[in-house]
Protein backbone atom coordinates (compact mmCIF):
# COMPACT_ATOMS: atom_id res chain seq x y z
CA MET A 1 88.13 7.70 102.17
CA LYS A 2 86.49 4.51 103.40
CA THR A 3 88.52 1.83 105.09
CA GLN A 4 88.01 -1.60 103.59
CA ILE A 5 87.06 -4.25 106.11
CA ASP A 6 88.89 -7.53 105.79
CA TRP A 7 85.88 -9.73 106.50
CA GLN A 8 87.86 -12.91 105.98
CA LEU A 9 90.19 -11.84 108.80
CA VAL A 10 87.31 -10.76 111.07
CA LEU A 11 85.43 -14.04 110.53
CA SER A 12 88.60 -16.08 110.96
CA GLN A 13 89.17 -14.33 114.29
CA CYS A 14 85.55 -15.10 115.25
CA LYS A 15 86.10 -18.78 114.47
CA SER A 16 89.31 -18.95 116.50
CA ASN A 17 87.77 -17.11 119.44
CA VAL A 18 84.68 -19.35 119.42
CA ASN A 19 86.80 -22.51 119.39
CA LYS A 20 88.89 -21.22 122.29
CA SER A 21 85.85 -20.03 124.26
CA ILE A 22 83.77 -23.20 123.96
CA GLU A 23 86.62 -25.58 124.82
CA PRO A 24 85.74 -25.70 128.55
CA CYS A 25 82.10 -26.40 127.64
CA ARG A 26 83.07 -29.35 125.45
CA LYS A 27 84.49 -31.15 128.47
CA THR A 28 81.10 -31.23 130.20
CA ILE A 29 78.79 -31.47 127.18
CA ARG A 30 77.53 -34.95 128.16
CA GLU A 31 76.52 -33.72 131.62
CA PRO A 32 73.22 -31.95 132.32
CA GLN A 33 73.54 -28.29 131.33
CA PRO A 34 71.77 -25.37 133.00
CA ASN A 35 69.29 -23.33 130.99
CA LEU A 36 70.55 -19.75 130.71
CA GLY A 37 67.45 -18.30 129.11
CA THR A 38 65.52 -18.73 125.91
CA GLY A 39 67.20 -18.34 122.54
CA ALA A 40 65.74 -16.41 119.60
CA GLY A 41 64.36 -19.65 118.17
CA GLY A 42 62.60 -20.49 121.43
CA ASP A 43 65.07 -23.17 122.51
CA ALA A 44 66.99 -23.15 125.77
CA MET A 45 70.31 -21.29 125.78
CA LYS A 46 73.09 -23.45 127.16
CA PRO A 47 76.59 -22.48 128.40
CA MET A 48 78.16 -23.39 125.04
CA ASP A 49 75.67 -21.14 123.21
CA LEU A 50 76.47 -18.23 125.48
CA ALA A 51 80.24 -18.78 125.21
CA ALA A 52 80.09 -18.85 121.40
CA GLU A 53 77.85 -15.78 121.21
CA THR A 54 80.08 -13.83 123.59
CA ALA A 55 83.20 -14.83 121.63
CA ILE A 56 81.71 -13.48 118.38
CA ILE A 57 80.47 -10.27 120.01
CA ASP A 58 83.95 -9.69 121.49
CA ILE A 59 85.61 -9.86 118.06
CA LEU A 60 82.96 -7.71 116.37
CA THR A 61 83.25 -5.15 119.15
CA GLN A 62 87.05 -5.05 118.77
CA ALA A 63 86.66 -4.55 115.00
CA SER A 64 83.88 -1.98 115.34
CA HIS A 65 86.25 0.95 114.95
CA PHE A 66 85.94 0.10 111.22
CA PHE A 67 82.13 -0.22 111.22
CA TYR A 68 79.08 0.09 113.43
CA PHE A 69 76.52 -2.60 114.01
CA ASP A 70 73.27 -3.46 115.71
CA LEU A 71 73.12 -6.83 117.39
CA VAL A 72 69.57 -8.09 117.65
CA ARG A 73 69.21 -10.88 120.17
CA SER A 74 66.41 -12.35 122.22
CA GLN A 75 67.77 -10.49 125.26
CA GLY A 76 67.43 -7.13 123.50
CA LEU A 77 69.17 -4.78 121.10
CA ARG A 78 72.81 -3.78 121.47
CA ASN A 79 74.44 -0.97 119.47
CA SER A 80 78.15 -0.77 118.90
CA ALA A 81 77.79 3.00 118.60
CA LEU A 82 75.07 5.61 118.68
CA ASN A 83 75.70 6.74 115.10
CA LEU A 84 75.14 3.54 113.15
CA LYS A 85 76.67 3.41 109.68
CA SER A 86 75.87 -0.18 108.79
CA VAL A 87 73.81 -2.95 110.28
CA LEU A 88 74.89 -6.57 110.54
């Protein structure tokens, strides 16, 4: 029997975690920001970008006992498990 994923809950948790994680970055947003690499679109990755991405990955990783996913990013591929059942 398959377990139904409550995507509304997962995405709501992502939103809350992103808001919490980027709060420190908001305080310094008007100051020069270091470049932390190049994003998938070719633009510079800033601290707020990294904080938001990490916050989403944390929630998806916590929820991954219900599903498996591949995360494709400019820094490389990350699997939540070796036996992938679905791809996000």
